[in-house]
Amino acid sequence: MYIYMEKKDIHVRVSKRRYDKLRLVAQAKEKTITQIIEDYIDRLPTPEIDNHSDTHS
C-alpha cells in the first residue's frame, strides 16, 4: 500500500566544505543527501502547538 505524501522543496546555501562533508557522509552511509537531511529532520523534537500566544504586541 502506497500513501502519497506531498513533497516540498528546500533550497539551502552552504559552504563547499559543508556540502562536501554532507556528500561524504551520504556516500559512507550509502544514502542520498536528501535521505541524510530527512533523517536529521526526523530526529528534531516535535514542538507542541500552543493555541495561546505568549508574544506581546
N, C-alpha and C. Protein backbone atom coordinates (compact mmCIF):
# COMPACT_ATOMS: atom_id res chain seq x y z
N MET A 1 0.85 -1.18 0.00
CA MET A 1 0.00 0.00 0.00
C MET A 1 0.89 1.24 0.00
N TYR A 2 0.63 2.14 -0.89
CA TYR A 2 1.41 3.36 -1.02
C TYR A 2 0.57 4.55 -0.59
N ILE A 3 1.10 5.33 0.33
CA ILE A 3 0.42 6.55 0.78
C ILE A 3 1.14 7.73 0.16
N TYR A 4 0.41 8.55 -0.60
CA TYR A 4 1.00 9.72 -1.24
C TYR A 4 1.23 10.80 -0.20
N MET A 5 2.47 11.29 -0.16
CA MET A 5 2.79 12.40 0.72
C MET A 5 3.25 13.56 -0.15
N GLU A 6 2.65 14.71 0.08
CA GLU A 6 3.05 15.89 -0.68
C GLU A 6 4.50 16.23 -0.35
N LYS A 7 5.27 16.55 -1.36
CA LYS A 7 6.68 16.90 -1.18
C LYS A 7 6.86 18.39 -1.35
N LYS A 8 7.78 18.95 -0.62
CA LYS A 8 8.15 20.36 -0.73
C LYS A 8 9.64 20.44 -0.98
N ASP A 9 10.07 21.47 -1.67
CA ASP A 9 11.48 21.69 -1.94
C ASP A 9 12.05 22.66 -0.91
N ILE A 10 13.29 22.40 -0.52
CA ILE A 10 14.03 23.31 0.35
C ILE A 10 15.35 23.61 -0.35
N HIS A 11 15.67 24.86 -0.50
CA HIS A 11 16.94 25.26 -1.10
C HIS A 11 17.77 25.91 -0.01
N VAL A 12 18.93 25.34 0.24
CA VAL A 12 19.79 25.82 1.31
C VAL A 12 21.17 26.11 0.75
N ARG A 13 21.70 27.26 1.07
CA ARG A 13 23.05 27.61 0.65
C ARG A 13 24.01 27.24 1.77
N VAL A 14 24.99 26.43 1.43
CA VAL A 14 26.02 26.05 2.40
C VAL A 14 27.39 26.21 1.74
N SER A 15 28.39 26.29 2.57
CA SER A 15 29.75 26.39 2.04
C SER A 15 30.12 25.08 1.33
N LYS A 16 31.11 25.15 0.47
CA LYS A 16 31.58 23.96 -0.24
C LYS A 16 32.07 22.92 0.76
N ARG A 17 32.71 23.38 1.83
CA ARG A 17 33.21 22.46 2.86
C ARG A 17 32.06 21.66 3.48
N ARG A 18 30.99 22.36 3.82
CA ARG A 18 29.83 21.67 4.42
C ARG A 18 29.15 20.75 3.42
N TYR A 19 29.04 21.19 2.18
CA TYR A 19 28.43 20.35 1.16
C TYR A 19 29.24 19.08 0.95
N ASP A 20 30.56 19.23 0.86
CA ASP A 20 31.43 18.07 0.67
C ASP A 20 31.34 17.11 1.86
N LYS A 21 31.26 17.66 3.06
CA LYS A 21 31.13 16.83 4.26
C LYS A 21 29.82 16.04 4.22
N LEU A 22 28.74 16.72 3.87
CA LEU A 22 27.44 16.07 3.76
C LEU A 22 27.45 14.98 2.69
N ARG A 23 28.06 15.27 1.56
CA ARG A 23 28.16 14.30 0.47
C ARG A 23 28.95 13.06 0.91
N LEU A 24 30.05 13.27 1.64
CA LEU A 24 30.86 12.15 2.11
C LEU A 24 30.10 11.29 3.13
N VAL A 25 29.36 11.94 4.02
CA VAL A 25 28.56 11.19 4.99
C VAL A 25 27.50 10.35 4.26
N ALA A 26 26.86 10.95 3.27
CA ALA A 26 25.84 10.23 2.50
C ALA A 26 26.46 9.02 1.79
N GLN A 27 27.62 9.23 1.18
CA GLN A 27 28.28 8.11 0.49
C GLN A 27 28.65 7.00 1.47
N ALA A 28 29.17 7.38 2.63
CA ALA A 28 29.59 6.39 3.62
C ALA A 28 28.40 5.57 4.12
N LYS A 29 27.24 6.19 4.20
CA LYS A 29 26.04 5.51 4.68
C LYS A 29 25.22 4.89 3.54
N GLU A 30 25.73 5.06 2.31
CA GLU A 30 25.03 4.57 1.12
C GLU A 30 23.60 5.11 1.06
N LYS A 31 23.49 6.42 1.26
CA LYS A 31 22.21 7.12 1.20
C LYS A 31 22.38 8.34 0.33
N THR A 32 21.26 8.95 -0.04
CA THR A 32 21.31 10.20 -0.76
C THR A 32 21.44 11.35 0.25
N ILE A 33 21.84 12.51 -0.23
CA ILE A 33 21.90 13.68 0.64
C ILE A 33 20.50 13.97 1.18
N THR A 34 19.48 13.83 0.36
CA THR A 34 18.11 14.05 0.81
C THR A 34 17.77 13.12 1.97
N GLN A 35 18.14 11.86 1.87
CA GLN A 35 17.85 10.91 2.94
C GLN A 35 18.58 11.29 4.24
N ILE A 36 19.81 11.76 4.13
CA ILE A 36 20.57 12.18 5.31
C ILE A 36 19.87 13.36 5.97
N ILE A 37 19.48 14.35 5.19
CA ILE A 37 18.80 15.53 5.73
C ILE A 37 17.46 15.14 6.35
N GLU A 38 16.70 14.28 5.68
CA GLU A 38 15.43 13.83 6.24
C GLU A 38 15.62 13.11 7.57
N ASP A 39 16.67 12.30 7.67
CA ASP A 39 16.96 11.60 8.93
C ASP A 39 17.22 12.60 10.05
N TYR A 40 17.99 13.65 9.76
CA TYR A 40 18.26 14.67 10.78
C TYR A 40 16.99 15.42 11.16
N ILE A 41 16.17 15.75 10.19
CA ILE A 41 14.91 16.44 10.48
C ILE A 41 14.00 15.57 11.34
N ASP A 42 13.96 14.28 11.04
CA ASP A 42 13.11 13.36 11.81
C ASP A 42 13.55 13.25 13.26
N ARG A 43 14.82 13.53 13.55
CA ARG A 43 15.33 13.48 14.93
C ARG A 43 14.99 14.72 15.74
N LEU A 44 14.57 15.79 15.07
CA LEU A 44 14.21 17.01 15.78
C LEU A 44 12.97 16.76 16.63
N PRO A 45 12.90 17.37 17.81
CA PRO A 45 11.69 17.21 18.62
C PRO A 45 10.50 17.88 17.93
N THR A 46 9.34 17.32 18.12
CA THR A 46 8.13 17.90 17.56
C THR A 46 7.62 18.94 18.54
N PRO A 47 7.58 20.20 18.12
CA PRO A 47 7.11 21.24 19.05
C PRO A 47 5.62 21.07 19.34
N GLU A 48 5.26 21.36 20.57
CA GLU A 48 3.84 21.32 20.92
C GLU A 48 3.18 22.58 20.37
N ILE A 49 1.98 22.41 19.86
CA ILE A 49 1.25 23.55 19.31
C ILE A 49 0.48 24.20 20.45
N ASP A 50 0.76 25.46 20.67
CA ASP A 50 0.11 26.21 21.74
C ASP A 50 -0.89 27.17 21.12
N ASN A 51 -2.14 27.04 21.51
CA ASN A 51 -3.19 27.91 20.96
C ASN A 51 -3.17 29.30 21.58
N HIS A 52 -2.39 29.48 22.64
CA HIS A 52 -2.32 30.76 23.31
C HIS A 52 -0.95 31.34 23.05
N SER A 53 -0.90 32.46 22.38
CA SER A 53 0.36 33.10 22.05
C SER A 53 0.95 33.80 23.27
N ASP A 54 2.23 33.59 23.53
CA ASP A 54 2.91 34.25 24.65
C ASP A 54 3.58 35.54 24.22
N THR A 55 3.44 35.88 22.96
CA THR A 55 4.07 37.12 22.47
C THR A 55 3.17 38.30 22.77
N HIS A 56 3.79 39.42 23.03
CA HIS A 56 3.04 40.64 23.33
C HIS A 56 3.23 41.62 22.19
N SER A 57 2.16 42.27 21.80
CA SER A 57 2.23 43.24 20.72
C SER A 57 2.70 44.58 21.20
